[in-house]
Amino acid sequence: MTDTPAAKRPPRQSRTGLTSTGARKAGAKSTRSRAREFALQGLYQHLVGGNDATAIDLFTRDLSGFHKADAAHYDALLHGCITTAGFMDELITPQLDRQLAEISPIEHAVMWIGVYEFQHCPDVPWRVVINECIELAKEFGGTDGHKYVNGILNNLAAQLRAPEVEADKAAGKAS
């Protein structure tokens, strides 16, 4: 084998729109997906640092790439999740197999986003809510955190979006 520059290059990655972890590449993301990412970062700051929504909002809007996000959806998620955090935790906690304090702040924030969208974003189908949350957990969470988030949100979808979930089951689409 020769020691040419071409021999030292890493193999080319496929251009399927996915990263090596299975998450979507930045160019393949919608404005709402980007809004969810920025909201997740803000909710993490709230959960870990106790930062208030206004300070988080001011910081986040200055981040690179924020202009590509749906700012209205970001606002709704960040402020809505922080405002209704206690209520959402009351919905999430019975679904858990451990104490809420033992859940990673990333998975906790992702579940908040899912619950918030189930309750306040009827224009987003329940399956899309779950898929978007799985993508967030894959990209930012622990190795198998997305599987845990999926299970919890599937249970909550049946509770919070019962007519929609039942309609999908009747049509043979439910997971």
N, C-alpha and C. Protein backbone atom coordinates (compact mmCIF):
# COMPACT_ATOMS: atom_id res chain seq x y z
N MET A 1 0.85 -1.18 0.00
CA MET A 1 0.00 0.00 0.00
C MET A 1 0.89 1.23 0.00
N THR A 2 0.55 2.22 -0.79
CA THR A 2 1.35 3.44 -0.86
C THR A 2 0.93 4.41 0.21
N ASP A 3 1.82 5.31 0.52
CA ASP A 3 1.55 6.30 1.56
C ASP A 3 1.12 7.62 0.90
N THR A 4 0.10 7.57 0.09
CA THR A 4 -0.39 8.77 -0.59
C THR A 4 -1.47 9.43 0.25
N PRO A 5 -1.76 10.70 0.00
CA PRO A 5 -2.82 11.37 0.76
C PRO A 5 -4.16 10.66 0.65
N ALA A 6 -4.45 10.09 -0.52
CA ALA A 6 -5.71 9.39 -0.69
C ALA A 6 -5.81 8.17 0.22
N ALA A 7 -4.68 7.52 0.50
CA ALA A 7 -4.69 6.34 1.35
C ALA A 7 -4.96 6.69 2.80
N LYS A 8 -4.73 7.94 3.19
CA LYS A 8 -4.94 8.37 4.58
C LYS A 8 -6.34 8.91 4.84
N ARG A 9 -7.11 9.14 3.82
CA ARG A 9 -8.46 9.69 3.99
C ARG A 9 -9.38 8.66 4.62
N PRO A 10 -10.29 9.14 5.47
CA PRO A 10 -11.29 8.20 6.01
C PRO A 10 -12.26 7.83 4.90
N PRO A 11 -12.94 6.71 5.06
CA PRO A 11 -13.91 6.33 4.02
C PRO A 11 -15.03 7.35 3.92
N ARG A 12 -15.57 7.51 2.74
CA ARG A 12 -16.67 8.45 2.53
C ARG A 12 -17.91 7.97 3.25
N GLN A 13 -18.62 8.94 3.82
CA GLN A 13 -19.89 8.60 4.44
C GLN A 13 -20.99 8.70 3.40
N SER A 14 -21.98 7.86 3.55
CA SER A 14 -23.10 7.92 2.62
C SER A 14 -23.86 9.22 2.85
N ARG A 15 -24.56 9.66 1.86
CA ARG A 15 -25.30 10.91 1.96
C ARG A 15 -26.80 10.64 2.09
N THR A 16 -27.15 9.83 3.05
CA THR A 16 -28.55 9.45 3.23
C THR A 16 -29.34 10.46 4.03
N GLY A 17 -28.69 11.47 4.59
CA GLY A 17 -29.38 12.41 5.46
C GLY A 17 -29.31 12.02 6.92
N LEU A 18 -28.54 10.97 7.23
CA LEU A 18 -28.40 10.51 8.61
C LEU A 18 -26.94 10.58 9.05
N THR A 19 -26.74 10.84 10.33
CA THR A 19 -25.39 10.80 10.89
C THR A 19 -25.06 9.36 11.26
N SER A 20 -23.85 9.14 11.74
CA SER A 20 -23.44 7.78 12.11
C SER A 20 -24.27 7.22 13.26
N THR A 21 -24.90 8.10 14.06
CA THR A 21 -25.74 7.62 15.17
C THR A 21 -27.17 7.34 14.73
N GLY A 22 -27.48 7.65 13.48
CA GLY A 22 -28.84 7.43 12.99
C GLY A 22 -29.71 8.66 13.06
N ALA A 23 -29.19 9.76 13.63
CA ALA A 23 -29.95 11.01 13.70
C ALA A 23 -29.89 11.71 12.35
N ARG A 24 -30.86 12.57 12.10
CA ARG A 24 -30.88 13.32 10.84
C ARG A 24 -29.77 14.35 10.80
N LYS A 25 -29.20 14.53 9.62
CA LYS A 25 -28.19 15.56 9.43
C LYS A 25 -28.88 16.92 9.44
N ALA A 26 -28.12 17.96 9.79
CA ALA A 26 -28.68 19.30 9.93
C ALA A 26 -29.40 19.76 8.67
N GLY A 27 -28.87 19.48 7.52
CA GLY A 27 -29.49 19.93 6.28
C GLY A 27 -30.83 19.29 5.99
N ALA A 28 -31.12 18.16 6.63
CA ALA A 28 -32.36 17.44 6.39
C ALA A 28 -33.44 17.80 7.40
N LYS A 29 -33.20 18.78 8.25
CA LYS A 29 -34.13 19.10 9.33
C LYS A 29 -35.06 20.24 8.95
N SER A 30 -36.30 20.10 9.39
CA SER A 30 -37.29 21.16 9.17
C SER A 30 -37.09 22.28 10.19
N THR A 31 -37.78 23.39 9.96
CA THR A 31 -37.67 24.51 10.91
C THR A 31 -38.23 24.12 12.27
N ARG A 32 -39.25 23.28 12.28
CA ARG A 32 -39.81 22.82 13.56
C ARG A 32 -38.85 21.88 14.28
N SER A 33 -38.17 21.02 13.54
CA SER A 33 -37.18 20.13 14.16
C SER A 33 -36.08 20.96 14.80
N ARG A 34 -35.65 21.98 14.10
CA ARG A 34 -34.62 22.87 14.65
C ARG A 34 -35.14 23.59 15.90
N ALA A 35 -36.40 24.01 15.86
CA ALA A 35 -36.99 24.67 17.02
C ALA A 35 -36.98 23.73 18.23
N ARG A 36 -37.29 22.46 17.99
CA ARG A 36 -37.27 21.48 19.08
C ARG A 36 -35.86 21.32 19.64
N GLU A 37 -34.85 21.34 18.78
CA GLU A 37 -33.46 21.22 19.25
C GLU A 37 -33.09 22.39 20.15
N PHE A 38 -33.44 23.59 19.72
CA PHE A 38 -33.11 24.76 20.54
C PHE A 38 -33.92 24.76 21.84
N ALA A 39 -35.18 24.34 21.78
CA ALA A 39 -35.99 24.24 22.99
C ALA A 39 -35.39 23.21 23.94
N LEU A 40 -34.93 22.09 23.39
CA LEU A 40 -34.30 21.05 24.22
C LEU A 40 -33.08 21.62 24.95
N GLN A 41 -32.27 22.36 24.24
CA GLN A 41 -31.09 22.97 24.86
C GLN A 41 -31.51 23.92 25.99
N GLY A 42 -32.55 24.69 25.74
CA GLY A 42 -33.04 25.61 26.77
C GLY A 42 -33.63 24.88 27.96
N LEU A 43 -34.39 23.84 27.71
CA LEU A 43 -34.98 23.07 28.80
C LEU A 43 -33.91 22.37 29.63
N TYR A 44 -32.85 21.94 28.97
CA TYR A 44 -31.72 21.36 29.68
C TYR A 44 -31.11 22.40 30.63
N GLN A 45 -30.94 23.63 30.14
CA GLN A 45 -30.42 24.70 31.00
C GLN A 45 -31.33 24.94 32.19
N HIS A 46 -32.62 24.84 31.96
CA HIS A 46 -33.59 25.03 33.04
C HIS A 46 -33.50 23.89 34.07
N LEU A 47 -33.46 22.66 33.57
CA LEU A 47 -33.42 21.51 34.48
C LEU A 47 -32.12 21.41 35.25
N VAL A 48 -31.00 21.65 34.58
CA VAL A 48 -29.69 21.46 35.22
C VAL A 48 -29.24 22.71 35.98
N GLY A 49 -29.42 23.88 35.36
CA GLY A 49 -28.92 25.11 35.97
C GLY A 49 -29.95 25.94 36.68
N GLY A 50 -31.23 25.59 36.52
CA GLY A 50 -32.28 26.37 37.16
C GLY A 50 -32.51 27.72 36.50
N ASN A 51 -31.99 27.90 35.30
CA ASN A 51 -32.13 29.18 34.61
C ASN A 51 -33.60 29.44 34.28
N ASP A 52 -33.99 30.72 34.30
CA ASP A 52 -35.37 31.05 33.99
C ASP A 52 -35.55 31.19 32.48
N ALA A 53 -36.79 31.12 32.04
CA ALA A 53 -37.11 31.09 30.61
C ALA A 53 -36.62 32.34 29.88
N THR A 54 -36.72 33.49 30.50
CA THR A 54 -36.31 34.73 29.83
C THR A 54 -34.81 34.73 29.55
N ALA A 55 -34.01 34.36 30.53
CA ALA A 55 -32.55 34.32 30.36
C ALA A 55 -32.17 33.28 29.30
N ILE A 56 -32.82 32.13 29.35
CA ILE A 56 -32.55 31.07 28.37
C ILE A 56 -32.90 31.56 26.97
N ASP A 57 -34.05 32.21 26.85
CA ASP A 57 -34.51 32.70 25.56
C ASP A 57 -33.53 33.71 24.97
N LEU A 58 -33.07 34.65 25.76
CA LEU A 58 -32.12 35.66 25.28
C LEU A 58 -30.82 35.00 24.81
N PHE A 59 -30.34 34.02 25.56
CA PHE A 59 -29.12 33.32 25.21
C PHE A 59 -29.31 32.51 23.92
N THR A 60 -30.39 31.77 23.84
CA THR A 60 -30.62 30.85 22.73
C THR A 60 -30.79 31.56 21.40
N ARG A 61 -31.46 32.68 21.40
CA ARG A 61 -31.70 33.41 20.14
C ARG A 61 -30.41 33.91 19.50
N ASP A 62 -29.34 33.97 20.28
CA ASP A 62 -28.04 34.40 19.74
C ASP A 62 -27.21 33.24 19.23
N LEU A 63 -27.68 32.01 19.40
CA LEU A 63 -26.91 30.86 18.97
C LEU A 63 -26.89 30.73 17.44
N SER A 64 -25.82 30.20 16.95
CA SER A 64 -25.67 29.96 15.51
C SER A 64 -26.78 29.04 15.01
N GLY A 65 -27.41 29.42 13.92
CA GLY A 65 -28.43 28.59 13.31
C GLY A 65 -29.83 28.84 13.80
N PHE A 66 -30.01 29.69 14.82
CA PHE A 66 -31.36 29.91 15.35
C PHE A 66 -32.29 30.49 14.28
N HIS A 67 -31.73 31.27 13.38
CA HIS A 67 -32.55 31.89 12.33
C HIS A 67 -33.21 30.85 11.41
N LYS A 68 -32.72 29.61 11.44
CA LYS A 68 -33.30 28.54 10.62
C LYS A 68 -34.40 27.78 11.36
N ALA A 69 -34.66 28.17 12.60
CA ALA A 69 -35.68 27.48 13.41
C ALA A 69 -37.01 28.23 13.35
N ASP A 70 -38.09 27.51 13.60
CA ASP A 70 -39.42 28.10 13.71
C ASP A 70 -39.48 28.75 15.09
N ALA A 71 -39.29 30.08 15.13
CA ALA A 71 -39.19 30.80 16.39
C ALA A 71 -40.48 30.71 17.21
N ALA A 72 -41.62 30.72 16.56
CA ALA A 72 -42.89 30.63 17.29
C ALA A 72 -43.02 29.27 17.98
N HIS A 73 -42.64 28.22 17.30
CA HIS A 73 -42.71 26.88 17.90
C HIS A 73 -41.70 26.75 19.04
N TYR A 74 -40.52 27.30 18.85
CA TYR A 74 -39.51 27.32 19.92
C TYR A 74 -40.07 28.02 21.15
N ASP A 75 -40.66 29.21 20.96
CA ASP A 75 -41.23 29.97 22.08
C ASP A 75 -42.28 29.15 22.81
N ALA A 76 -43.17 28.55 22.03
CA ALA A 76 -44.24 27.76 22.64
C ALA A 76 -43.66 26.61 23.47
N LEU A 77 -42.69 25.91 22.91
CA LEU A 77 -42.09 24.77 23.62
C LEU A 77 -41.34 25.21 24.87
N LEU A 78 -40.46 26.17 24.72
CA LEU A 78 -39.65 26.59 25.87
C LEU A 78 -40.52 27.13 27.00
N HIS A 79 -41.29 28.13 26.69
CA HIS A 79 -42.09 28.78 27.74
C HIS A 79 -43.23 27.87 28.22
N GLY A 80 -43.85 27.14 27.29
CA GLY A 80 -44.94 26.24 27.67
C GLY A 80 -44.47 25.11 28.56
N CYS A 81 -43.33 24.51 28.22
CA CYS A 81 -42.81 23.39 29.04
C CYS A 81 -42.40 23.87 30.43
N ILE A 82 -41.75 25.02 30.50
CA ILE A 82 -41.31 25.52 31.81
C ILE A 82 -42.52 25.90 32.66
N THR A 83 -43.51 26.53 32.04
CA THR A 83 -44.71 26.95 32.77
C THR A 83 -45.51 25.77 33.29
N THR A 84 -45.60 24.70 32.50
CA THR A 84 -46.44 23.55 32.87
C THR A 84 -45.62 22.35 33.34
N ALA A 85 -44.38 22.57 33.72
CA ALA A 85 -43.48 21.48 34.09
C ALA A 85 -44.05 20.56 35.17
N GLY A 86 -44.61 21.14 36.22
CA GLY A 86 -45.16 20.32 37.30
C GLY A 86 -46.28 19.42 36.83
N PHE A 87 -47.18 19.97 36.03
CA PHE A 87 -48.29 19.19 35.49
C PHE A 87 -47.78 18.08 34.58
N MET A 88 -46.81 18.40 33.73
CA MET A 88 -46.28 17.38 32.81
C MET A 88 -45.57 16.28 33.60
N ASP A 89 -44.84 16.65 34.63
CA ASP A 89 -44.17 15.64 35.46
C ASP A 89 -45.19 14.71 36.12
N GLU A 90 -46.36 15.25 36.49
CA GLU A 90 -47.42 14.41 37.07
C GLU A 90 -47.94 13.39 36.07
N LEU A 91 -47.92 13.74 34.79
CA LEU A 91 -48.34 12.80 33.75
C LEU A 91 -47.25 11.77 33.45
N ILE A 92 -46.01 12.22 33.46
CA ILE A 92 -44.87 11.36 33.10
C ILE A 92 -44.55 10.36 34.21
N THR A 93 -44.54 10.80 35.45
CA THR A 93 -44.07 10.00 36.57
C THR A 93 -44.72 8.62 36.68
N PRO A 94 -46.04 8.49 36.54
CA PRO A 94 -46.63 7.14 36.65
C PRO A 94 -46.16 6.16 35.55
N GLN A 95 -45.63 6.68 34.47
CA GLN A 95 -45.17 5.83 33.37
C GLN A 95 -43.75 5.30 33.60
N LEU A 96 -43.04 5.90 34.55
CA LEU A 96 -41.62 5.58 34.76
C LEU A 96 -41.42 4.33 35.59
N ASP A 97 -40.28 3.68 35.39
CA ASP A 97 -39.91 2.52 36.18
C ASP A 97 -38.86 2.88 37.24
N ARG A 98 -38.65 4.17 37.41
CA ARG A 98 -37.70 4.69 38.40
C ARG A 98 -38.14 6.08 38.81
N GLN A 99 -37.43 6.67 39.73
CA GLN A 99 -37.76 8.03 40.18
C GLN A 99 -37.44 9.03 39.07
N LEU A 100 -38.22 10.08 38.97
CA LEU A 100 -38.00 11.11 37.97
C LEU A 100 -36.61 11.72 38.10
N ALA A 101 -36.11 11.85 39.31
CA ALA A 101 -34.78 12.43 39.55
C ALA A 101 -33.67 11.56 38.95
N GLU A 102 -33.96 10.29 38.68
CA GLU A 102 -32.96 9.38 38.11
C GLU A 102 -32.95 9.41 36.58
N ILE A 103 -33.89 10.13 35.99
CA ILE A 103 -33.96 10.26 34.53
C ILE A 103 -32.97 11.32 34.09
N SER A 104 -32.26 11.06 33.02
CA SER A 104 -31.32 12.03 32.46
C SER A 104 -32.07 13.33 32.14
N PRO A 105 -31.45 14.49 32.38
CA PRO A 105 -32.12 15.75 32.06
C PRO A 105 -32.48 15.87 30.57
N ILE A 106 -31.69 15.24 29.71
CA ILE A 106 -32.02 15.27 28.28
C ILE A 106 -33.31 14.49 28.03
N GLU A 107 -33.39 13.26 28.52
CA GLU A 107 -34.60 12.46 28.32
C GLU A 107 -35.81 13.12 28.99
N HIS A 108 -35.59 13.73 30.15
CA HIS A 108 -36.66 14.43 30.86
C HIS A 108 -37.19 15.57 29.99
N ALA A 109 -36.29 16.38 29.45
CA ALA A 109 -36.68 17.51 28.61
C ALA A 109 -37.36 17.04 27.33
N VAL A 110 -36.86 15.96 26.74
CA VAL A 110 -37.47 15.41 25.52
C VAL A 110 -38.90 14.96 25.82
N MET A 111 -39.10 14.33 26.96
CA MET A 111 -40.45 13.89 27.32
C MET A 111 -41.37 15.10 27.54
N TRP A 112 -40.84 16.17 28.12
CA TRP A 112 -41.63 17.40 28.26
C TRP A 112 -42.08 17.89 26.90
N ILE A 113 -41.16 17.91 25.95
CA ILE A 113 -41.49 18.37 24.59
C ILE A 113 -42.60 17.50 24.01
N GLY A 114 -42.47 16.19 24.16
CA GLY A 114 -43.50 15.29 23.65
C GLY A 114 -44.85 15.52 24.29
N VAL A 115 -44.87 15.60 25.61
CA VAL A 115 -46.14 15.82 26.31
C VAL A 115 -46.74 17.17 25.92
N TYR A 116 -45.91 18.19 25.86
CA TYR A 116 -46.41 19.51 25.48
C TYR A 116 -47.04 19.48 24.09
N GLU A 117 -46.36 18.85 23.14
CA GLU A 117 -46.90 18.79 21.79
C GLU A 117 -48.17 17.94 21.72
N PHE A 118 -48.22 16.86 22.48
CA PHE A 118 -49.45 16.06 22.53
C PHE A 118 -50.63 16.94 22.97
N GLN A 119 -50.38 17.78 23.95
CA GLN A 119 -51.46 18.56 24.54
C GLN A 119 -51.78 19.85 23.79
N HIS A 120 -50.78 20.49 23.21
CA HIS A 120 -50.98 21.85 22.69
C HIS A 120 -50.75 22.01 21.19
N CYS A 121 -50.34 20.97 20.51
CA CYS A 121 -50.05 21.06 19.07
C CYS A 121 -50.83 19.99 18.31
N PRO A 122 -52.14 20.13 18.25
CA PRO A 122 -52.94 19.10 17.58
C PRO A 122 -52.65 18.99 16.08
N ASP A 123 -51.99 20.02 15.51
CA ASP A 123 -51.63 19.96 14.09
C ASP A 123 -50.46 19.02 13.84
N VAL A 124 -49.76 18.60 14.89
CA VAL A 124 -48.64 17.67 14.76
C VAL A 124 -49.16 16.27 15.11
N PRO A 125 -49.21 15.35 14.15
CA PRO A 125 -49.71 14.00 14.44
C PRO A 125 -48.91 13.33 15.57
N TRP A 126 -49.59 12.50 16.34
CA TRP A 126 -48.94 11.86 17.49
C TRP A 126 -47.71 11.06 17.08
N ARG A 127 -47.76 10.42 15.94
CA ARG A 127 -46.60 9.63 15.48
C ARG A 127 -45.41 10.55 15.16
N VAL A 128 -45.69 11.73 14.65
CA VAL A 128 -44.63 12.69 14.35
C VAL A 128 -44.01 13.20 15.65
N VAL A 129 -44.85 13.48 16.64
CA VAL A 129 -44.35 13.92 17.95
C VAL A 129 -43.36 12.88 18.49
N ILE A 130 -43.77 11.62 18.48
CA ILE A 130 -42.91 10.56 19.01
C ILE A 130 -41.63 10.44 18.18
N ASN A 131 -41.75 10.45 16.87
CA ASN A 131 -40.57 10.34 16.02
C ASN A 131 -39.59 11.49 16.25
N GLU A 132 -40.10 12.70 16.34
CA GLU A 132 -39.24 13.86 16.58
C GLU A 132 -38.53 13.74 17.94
N CYS A 133 -39.25 13.26 18.94
CA CYS A 133 -38.64 13.10 20.26
C CYS A 133 -37.59 11.99 20.26
N ILE A 134 -37.84 10.92 19.53
CA ILE A 134 -36.84 9.86 19.40
C ILE A 134 -35.58 10.42 18.74
N GLU A 135 -35.75 11.22 17.70
CA GLU A 135 -34.60 11.82 17.01
C GLU A 135 -33.80 12.71 17.97
N LEU A 136 -34.49 13.50 18.77
CA LEU A 136 -33.80 14.35 19.75
C LEU A 136 -33.02 13.50 20.74
N ALA A 137 -33.65 12.45 21.25
CA ALA A 137 -32.99 11.58 22.23
C ALA A 137 -31.80 10.86 21.61
N LYS A 138 -31.91 10.46 20.34
CA LYS A 138 -30.77 9.82 19.66
C LYS A 138 -29.61 10.78 19.54
N GLU A 139 -29.91 12.00 19.14
CA GLU A 139 -28.85 12.97 18.87
C GLU A 139 -28.20 13.52 20.14
N PHE A 140 -28.99 13.76 21.18
CA PHE A 140 -28.47 14.45 22.36
C PHE A 140 -28.42 13.59 23.62
N GLY A 141 -29.14 12.49 23.65
CA GLY A 141 -29.24 11.69 24.86
C GLY A 141 -28.25 10.56 24.94
N GLY A 142 -28.45 9.72 25.92
CA GLY A 142 -27.59 8.56 26.13
C GLY A 142 -27.82 7.50 25.07
N THR A 143 -27.03 6.46 25.12
CA THR A 143 -27.02 5.41 24.10
C THR A 143 -28.40 4.85 23.80
N ASP A 144 -29.14 4.42 24.80
CA ASP A 144 -30.45 3.82 24.57
C ASP A 144 -31.58 4.68 25.11
N GLY A 145 -31.31 5.94 25.40
CA GLY A 145 -32.33 6.84 25.93
C GLY A 145 -33.53 6.98 25.02
N HIS A 146 -33.28 6.90 23.70
CA HIS A 146 -34.40 7.06 22.76
C HIS A 146 -35.42 5.93 22.90
N LYS A 147 -34.96 4.75 23.28
CA LYS A 147 -35.87 3.62 23.45
C LYS A 147 -36.78 3.85 24.66
N TYR A 148 -36.21 4.41 25.71
CA TYR A 148 -36.97 4.70 26.92
C TYR A 148 -38.01 5.78 26.63
N VAL A 149 -37.57 6.85 25.97
CA VAL A 149 -38.46 7.95 25.59
C VAL A 149 -39.60 7.42 24.72
N ASN A 150 -39.28 6.56 23.78
CA ASN A 150 -40.29 5.99 22.89
C ASN A 150 -41.36 5.26 23.70
N GLY A 151 -40.95 4.42 24.63
CA GLY A 151 -41.90 3.66 25.43
C GLY A 151 -42.81 4.56 26.26
N ILE A 152 -42.22 5.54 26.91
CA ILE A 152 -43.00 6.45 27.76
C ILE A 152 -43.99 7.26 26.91
N LEU A 153 -43.50 7.83 25.80
CA LEU A 153 -44.38 8.66 24.97
C LEU A 153 -45.45 7.84 24.26
N ASN A 154 -45.16 6.60 23.90
CA ASN A 154 -46.21 5.74 23.33
C ASN A 154 -47.34 5.55 24.32
N ASN A 155 -47.00 5.31 25.57
CA ASN A 155 -48.02 5.15 26.61
C ASN A 155 -48.81 6.45 26.80
N LEU A 156 -48.11 7.56 26.80
CA LEU A 156 -48.79 8.84 27.00
C LEU A 156 -49.63 9.24 25.79
N ALA A 157 -49.21 8.84 24.60
CA ALA A 157 -50.00 9.14 23.40
C ALA A 157 -51.38 8.49 23.51
N ALA A 158 -51.39 7.26 23.98
CA ALA A 158 -52.66 6.54 24.13
C ALA A 158 -53.58 7.24 25.13
N GLN A 159 -52.98 7.94 26.07
CA GLN A 159 -53.74 8.66 27.09
C GLN A 159 -54.13 10.06 26.61
N LEU A 160 -53.18 10.80 26.04
CA LEU A 160 -53.39 12.20 25.71
C LEU A 160 -53.97 12.44 24.31
N ARG A 161 -53.79 11.47 23.43
CA ARG A 161 -54.32 11.59 22.06
C ARG A 161 -55.12 10.34 21.72
N ALA A 162 -55.91 9.88 22.67
CA ALA A 162 -56.65 8.62 22.51
C ALA A 162 -57.43 8.52 21.21
N PRO A 163 -58.24 9.50 20.82
CA PRO A 163 -59.01 9.34 19.57
C PRO A 163 -58.11 9.16 18.34
N GLU A 164 -57.02 9.91 18.30
CA GLU A 164 -56.09 9.82 17.16
C GLU A 164 -55.38 8.46 17.13
N VAL A 165 -54.92 8.01 18.29
CA VAL A 165 -54.24 6.71 18.38
C VAL A 165 -55.21 5.59 18.02
N GLU A 166 -56.43 5.66 18.53
CA GLU A 166 -57.43 4.64 18.23
C GLU A 166 -57.77 4.62 16.74
N ALA A 167 -57.86 5.78 16.13
CA ALA A 167 -58.15 5.85 14.70
C ALA A 167 -57.03 5.17 13.89
N ASP A 168 -55.78 5.40 14.31
CA ASP A 168 -54.66 4.76 13.63
C ASP A 168 -54.69 3.25 13.83
N LYS A 169 -55.02 2.80 15.04
CA LYS A 169 -55.10 1.35 15.29
C LYS A 169 -56.20 0.74 14.43
N ALA A 170 -57.33 1.41 14.35
CA ALA A 170 -58.43 0.91 13.54
C ALA A 170 -58.04 0.82 12.07
N ALA A 171 -57.19 1.73 11.64
CA ALA A 171 -56.73 1.74 10.24
C ALA A 171 -55.53 0.82 10.04
N GLY A 172 -55.04 0.21 11.13
CA GLY A 172 -53.91 -0.71 11.04
C GLY A 172 -52.57 -0.04 10.98
N LYS A 173 -52.47 1.21 11.47
CA LYS A 173 -51.22 1.96 11.40
C LYS A 173 -50.45 2.03 12.71
N ALA A 174 -51.06 1.72 13.83
CA ALA A 174 -50.43 1.94 15.13
C ALA A 174 -49.24 1.01 15.33
N SER A 175 -48.28 1.50 16.10
CA SER A 175 -47.08 0.72 16.37
C SER A 175 -47.24 -0.17 17.58
